[in-house]
C-alpha atoms as a PDB file:
ATOM      1  CA  MET A   1      80.817   1.565 270.172  1.00  0.00           C
ATOM      2  CA  PRO A   2      78.180   2.889 267.770  1.00  0.00           C
ATOM      3  CA  ASN A   3      75.006   0.651 267.507  1.00  0.00           C
ATOM      4  CA  SER A   4      75.647  -0.314 263.825  1.00  0.00           C
ATOM      5  CA  ASP A   5      79.004  -1.555 265.099  1.00  0.00           C
ATOM      6  CA  LEU A   6      77.338  -3.787 267.922  1.00  0.00           C
ATOM      7  CA  LEU A   7      75.041  -5.214 265.277  1.00  0.00           C
ATOM      8  CA  ALA A   8      78.065  -6.008 262.879  1.00  0.00           C
ATOM      9  CA  VAL A   9      80.006  -7.958 265.157  1.00  0.00           C
ATOM     10  CA  SER A  10      77.230  -9.854 266.779  1.00  0.00           C
ATOM     11  CA  GLU A  11      77.645 -13.600 266.666  1.00  0.00           C
ATOM     12  CA  SER A  12      74.091 -14.310 266.519  1.00  0.00           C
ATOM     13  CA  PRO A  13      73.693 -17.784 264.304  1.00  0.00           C
ATOM     14  CA  VAL A  14      70.178 -15.938 263.184  1.00  0.00           C
ATOM     15  CA  LYS A  15      70.341 -14.281 259.748  1.00  0.00           C
ATOM     16  CA  ILE A  16      68.867 -10.502 259.799  1.00  0.00           C
ATOM     17  CA  ARG A  17      66.414 -10.261 256.694  1.00  0.00           C
ATOM     18  CA  LYS A  18      66.992  -6.810 255.187  1.00  0.00           C
ATOM     19  CA  ARG A  19      65.393  -7.391 252.084  1.00  0.00           C
ATOM     20  CA  LEU A  20      61.855  -8.816 250.794  1.00  0.00           C
ATOM     21  CA  PHE A  21      63.797 -11.540 248.601  1.00  0.00           C
ATOM     22  CA  GLU A  22      66.978 -13.220 249.568  1.00  0.00           C
ATOM     23  CA  ALA A  23      69.554 -13.964 246.642  1.00  0.00           C
ATOM     24  CA  GLY A  24      68.089 -16.329 244.035  1.00  0.00           C
ATOM     25  CA  GLU A  25      64.325 -16.330 245.501  1.00  0.00           C
ATOM     26  CA  MET A  26      63.101 -14.118 242.967  1.00  0.00           C
ATOM     27  CA  LYS A  27      64.346 -16.304 240.137  1.00  0.00           C
ATOM     28  CA  LEU A  28      63.016 -19.340 241.341  1.00  0.00           C
ATOM     29  CA  LEU A  29      59.510 -17.649 242.069  1.00  0.00           C
ATOM     30  CA  VAL A  30      59.309 -16.285 238.633  1.00  0.00           C
ATOM     31  CA  LEU A  31      60.361 -19.633 236.921  1.00  0.00           C
ATOM     32  CA  HIS A  32      57.729 -21.317 239.462  1.00  0.00           C
ATOM     33  CA  PHE A  33      55.069 -18.768 238.039  1.00  0.00           C
ATOM     34  CA  ILE A  34      56.131 -19.548 234.375  1.00  0.00           C
ATOM     35  CA  ALA A  35      55.772 -23.137 234.968  1.00  0.00           C
ATOM     36  CA  GLN A  36      52.150 -22.991 236.107  1.00  0.00           C
ATOM     37  CA  SER A  37      51.642 -21.212 232.594  1.00  0.00           C
ATOM     38  CA  PRO A  38      53.363 -19.330 229.869  1.00  0.00           C
ATOM     39  CA  LYS A  39      53.519 -15.456 231.052  1.00  0.00           C
ATOM     40  CA  PHE A  40      53.972 -12.145 229.769  1.00  0.00           C
ATOM     41  CA  SER A  41      56.365 -10.114 231.714  1.00  0.00           C
ATOM     42  CA  TYR A  42      53.206  -8.134 233.262  1.00  0.00           C
ATOM     43  CA  ASP A  43      51.753 -11.300 234.164  1.00  0.00           C
ATOM     44  CA  ILE A  44      54.795 -12.040 236.062  1.00  0.00           C
ATOM     45  CA  ILE A  45      54.889  -8.757 238.014  1.00  0.00           C
ATOM     46  CA  LYS A  46      50.984  -9.181 238.979  1.00  0.00           C
ATOM     47  CA  ASP A  47      51.514 -12.710 240.119  1.00  0.00           C
ATOM     48  CA  VAL A  48      54.617 -11.421 242.402  1.00  0.00           C
ATOM     49  CA  ALA A  49      52.581  -8.618 243.603  1.00  0.00           C
ATOM     50  CA  ALA A  50      49.514 -11.127 244.328  1.00  0.00           C
ATOM     51  CA  LEU A  51      51.874 -13.466 246.136  1.00  0.00           C
ATOM     52  CA  VAL A  52      53.448 -10.753 248.339  1.00  0.00           C
ATOM     53  CA  GLY A  53      50.478  -8.755 249.028  1.00  0.00           C
ATOM     54  CA  GLY A  54      50.572  -5.223 250.673  1.00  0.00           C
ATOM     55  CA  ASN A  55      51.553  -2.615 248.599  1.00  0.00           C
ATOM     56  CA  TYR A  56      54.621  -4.207 246.930  1.00  0.00           C
ATOM     57  CA  LYS A  57      54.797  -4.603 243.018  1.00  0.00           C
ATOM     58  CA  PRO A  58      58.089  -5.685 241.235  1.00  0.00           C
ATOM     59  CA  SER A  59      59.332  -3.201 238.900  1.00  0.00           C
ATOM     60  CA  THR A  60      60.194  -3.916 235.457  1.00  0.00           C
ATOM     61  CA  GLY A  61      63.599  -3.192 236.516  1.00  0.00           C
ATOM     62  CA  THR A  62      63.513  -6.190 238.906  1.00  0.00           C
ATOM     63  CA  ILE A  63      61.570  -8.581 236.703  1.00  0.00           C
ATOM     64  CA  CYS A  64      63.262  -8.120 233.214  1.00  0.00           C
ATOM     65  CA  PRO A  65      66.801  -9.027 234.495  1.00  0.00           C
ATOM     66  CA  THR A  66      65.368 -11.912 236.085  1.00  0.00           C
ATOM     67  CA  ILE A  67      63.657 -12.915 233.148  1.00  0.00           C
ATOM     68  CA  ASN A  68      66.821 -12.450 230.927  1.00  0.00           C
ATOM     69  CA  TYR A  69      68.813 -14.407 233.515  1.00  0.00           C
ATOM     70  CA  LEU A  70      66.469 -17.447 233.038  1.00  0.00           C
ATOM     71  CA  GLU A  71      66.478 -17.237 229.239  1.00  0.00           C
ATOM     72  CA  GLU A  72      70.393 -16.805 229.214  1.00  0.00           C
ATOM     73  CA  HIS A  73      70.549 -20.113 231.414  1.00  0.00           C
ATOM     74  CA  HIS A  74      67.825 -22.003 229.193  1.00  0.00           C
ATOM     75  CA  TYR A  75      65.478 -22.370 232.155  1.00  0.00           C
ATOM     76  CA  THR A  76      63.032 -20.311 229.846  1.00  0.00           C
ATOM     77  CA  GLU A  77      62.456 -19.495 226.074  1.00  0.00           C
ATOM     78  CA  VAL A  78      60.573 -16.577 224.425  1.00  0.00           C
ATOM     79  CA  LYS A  79      57.446 -17.238 222.183  1.00  0.00           C
ATOM     80  CA  LEU A  80      55.638 -14.395 220.427  1.00  0.00           C
ATOM     81  CA  SER A  81      52.263 -14.411 220.883  1.00  0.00           C
ATOM     82  CA  VAL A  82      49.703 -13.673 218.081  1.00  0.00           C
ATOM     83  CA  ASP A  83      49.976 -10.070 218.701  1.00  0.00           C
ATOM     84  CA  GLU A  84      53.835 -10.170 218.693  1.00  0.00           C
ATOM     85  CA  ARG A  85      54.294  -9.686 222.519  1.00  0.00           C
ATOM     86  CA  LYS A  86      56.961 -11.920 224.224  1.00  0.00           C
ATOM     87  CA  GLN A  87      55.597 -14.809 226.081  1.00  0.00           C
ATOM     88  CA  TYR A  88      57.782 -16.646 228.526  1.00  0.00           C
ATOM     89  CA  HIS A  89      57.587 -20.544 228.576  1.00  0.00           C
ATOM     90  CA  ILE A  90      59.505 -22.981 230.845  1.00  0.00           C
ATOM     91  CA  THR A  91      61.912 -25.206 229.087  1.00  0.00           C
ATOM     92  CA  ALA A  92      62.723 -28.957 230.192  1.00  0.00           C
ATOM     93  CA  LYS A  93      65.844 -27.778 231.662  1.00  0.00           C
ATOM     94  CA  GLY A  94      63.976 -25.015 233.694  1.00  0.00           C
ATOM     95  CA  LEU A  95      61.436 -27.744 234.717  1.00  0.00           C
ATOM     96  CA  LYS A  96      64.461 -29.670 236.121  1.00  0.00           C
ATOM     97  CA  HIS A  97      66.117 -26.855 237.867  1.00  0.00           C
ATOM     98  CA  LEU A  98      62.739 -25.804 239.555  1.00  0.00           C
ATOM     99  CA  ALA A  99      62.358 -29.420 240.558  1.00  0.00           C
ATOM    100  CA  ALA A 100      65.990 -29.496 242.241  1.00  0.00           C
ATOM    101  CA  HIS A 101      64.967 -26.341 244.103  1.00  0.00           C
ATOM    102  CA  GLN A 102      61.266 -27.019 245.090  1.00  0.00           C
ATOM    103  CA  GLN A 103      61.977 -26.917 248.569  1.00  0.00           C
ATOM    104  CA  GLU A 104      63.353 -23.483 248.621  1.00  0.00           C
ATOM    105  CA  VAL A 105      60.380 -22.316 246.276  1.00  0.00           C
ATOM    106  CA  ASN A 106      58.046 -23.859 249.056  1.00  0.00           C
ATOM    107  CA  LYS A 107      59.607 -21.783 251.635  1.00  0.00           C
ATOM    108  CA  VAL A 108      59.110 -18.535 249.631  1.00  0.00           C
ATOM    109  CA  LEU A 109      55.841 -19.357 249.100  1.00  0.00           C
ATOM    110  CA  ASP A 110      55.031 -20.362 252.670  1.00  0.00           C
ATOM    111  CA  ARG A 111      56.721 -17.252 253.855  1.00  0.00           C
ATOM    112  CA  PHE A 112      54.554 -14.911 251.765  1.00  0.00           C
ATOM    113  CA  ASN A 113      51.384 -16.860 252.221  1.00  0.00           C
ATOM    114  CA  THR A 114      51.792 -16.548 256.028  1.00  0.00           C
ATOM    115  CA  ARG A 115      52.653 -12.731 255.726  1.00  0.00           C
ATOM    116  CA  LYS A 116      49.611 -12.268 253.420  1.00  0.00           C
ATOM    117  CA  GLN A 117      47.335 -14.087 255.978  1.00  0.00           C
ATOM    118  CA  ILE A 118      48.682 -12.007 258.967  1.00  0.00           C
ATOM    119  CA  HIS A 119      48.135  -8.898 256.728  1.00  0.00           C
ATOM    120  CA  ASN A 120      44.737  -9.629 255.375  1.00  0.00           C
ATOM    121  CA  ASN A 121      42.835 -11.540 258.009  1.00  0.00           C
ATOM    122  CA  GLU A 122      41.003  -9.562 260.519  1.00  0.00           C
ATOM    123  CA  GLN A 123      41.442 -12.441 263.069  1.00  0.00           C
ATOM    124  CA  PHE A 124      45.204 -11.442 263.294  1.00  0.00           C
ATOM    125  CA  ILE A 125      45.077  -7.791 263.411  1.00  0.00           C
ATOM    126  CA  ASP A 126      46.108  -7.922 267.120  1.00  0.00           C
ATOM    127  CA  ILE A 127      49.055 -10.043 265.923  1.00  0.00           C
ATOM    128  CA  LYS A 128      49.809  -7.555 263.037  1.00  0.00           C
ATOM    129  CA  ARG A 129      49.795  -4.695 265.705  1.00  0.00           C
ATOM    130  CA  ALA A 130      52.077  -6.514 268.134  1.00  0.00           C
ATOM    131  CA  MET A 131      54.525  -7.207 265.404  1.00  0.00           C
ATOM    132  CA  GLU A 132      54.593  -3.613 264.214  1.00  0.00           C
ATOM    133  CA  ASN A 133      54.900  -2.283 267.769  1.00  0.00           C
ATOM    134  CA  LEU A 134      58.165  -4.728 268.150  1.00  0.00           C
ATOM    135  CA  LYS A 135      59.513  -3.467 264.961  1.00  0.00           C
ATOM    136  CA  THR A 136      58.864   0.078 265.932  1.00  0.00           C
ATOM    137  CA  SER A 137      60.344  -0.356 269.512  1.00  0.00           C
ATOM    138  CA  LEU A 138      63.447  -1.905 268.002  1.00  0.00           C
ATOM    139  CA  ARG A 139      64.035   0.869 265.555  1.00  0.00           C
ATOM    140  CA  LEU A 140      63.714   3.458 268.083  1.00  0.00           C
ATOM    141  CA  LYS A 141      65.790   1.860 270.441  1.00  0.00           C
ATOM    142  CA  LEU A 142      68.590   1.186 267.871  1.00  0.00           C
ATOM    143  CA  SER A 143      68.660   4.393 266.412  1.00  0.00           C
ATOM    144  CA  HIS A 144      68.149   6.655 269.426  1.00  0.00           C
ATOM    145  CA  ALA A 145      70.275   4.841 272.429  1.00  0.00           C
ATOM    146  CA  GLU A 146      73.546   3.973 272.835  1.00  0.00           C
ATOM    147  CA  LEU A 147      73.262   0.000 273.704  1.00  0.00           C
ATOM    148  CA  SER A 148      76.188  -2.097 275.124  1.00  0.00           C
ATOM    149  CA  SER A 149      76.841  -5.398 274.098  1.00  0.00           C
ATOM    150  CA  LYS A 150      74.907  -6.482 277.316  1.00  0.00           C
ATOM    151  CA  ASP A 151      71.736  -4.408 276.412  1.00  0.00           C
ATOM    152  CA  VAL A 152      71.761  -6.158 272.711  1.00  0.00           C
ATOM    153  CA  LEU A 153      72.107  -9.433 274.422  1.00  0.00           C
ATOM    154  CA  LYS A 154      69.145  -8.678 276.873  1.00  0.00           C
ATOM    155  CA  ILE A 155      67.050  -7.619 273.827  1.00  0.00           C
ATOM    156  CA  ALA A 156      67.746 -10.660 271.865  1.00  0.00           C
ATOM    157  CA  GLU A 157      67.062 -12.681 274.916  1.00  0.00           C
ATOM    158  CA  GLN A 158      63.594 -11.204 275.318  1.00  0.00           C
ATOM    159  CA  ILE A 159      62.774 -11.664 271.824  1.00  0.00           C
ATOM    160  CA  ASP A 160      64.008 -15.547 271.718  1.00  0.00           C
ATOM    161  CA  GLN A 161      61.972 -16.020 274.915  1.00  0.00           C
ATOM    162  CA  ALA A 162      58.839 -14.504 273.232  1.00  0.00           C
ATOM    163  CA  ALA A 163      59.447 -16.672 270.226  1.00  0.00           C
ATOM    164  CA  ALA A 164      59.714 -19.563 272.637  1.00  0.00           C
ATOM    165  CA  ASN A 165      56.470 -18.766 274.429  1.00  0.00           C
ATOM    166  CA  ILE A 166      54.504 -18.550 271.146  1.00  0.00           C
ATOM    167  CA  THR A 167      55.825 -21.900 269.849  1.00  0.00           C
ATOM    168  CA  ARG A 168      54.739 -23.660 273.326  1.00  0.00           C
ATOM    169  CA  LEU A 169      50.998 -22.328 272.595  1.00  0.00           C
END
């Protein structure tokens, strides 16, 4: 059985994160930034890039459809600035929607603040290195070895044990 099939049939309750943002998170994050103050689309791109850190910068192909969605659902509205540029403002409906999903917004903000802290703080350089080593060893093992179901379970158990050990520190 190929490794990809082993991963697909895994009955693990853990959700594998394949993307930087899960469904709906970018919409909530953009709405959060607009709620802080009216924004131009470029400001939103800068805010998201600053939050995520690293070399990530969302494209206009990501932000513009997100802004359009928020506007179509009446969570935001456009007002033209003095120089005739579109500036996005949150509506009462948008504030209500944001309040209803504040816990999700907080999770996203916390996740990226932790990520940024690990990546930017010299104190955590050894943790960052170790995390990268783990990811690299997993990629290599999964792409260059035929793993049995038992092997996959052993790897998962070792990672779970490391997580438990860290939690107990």
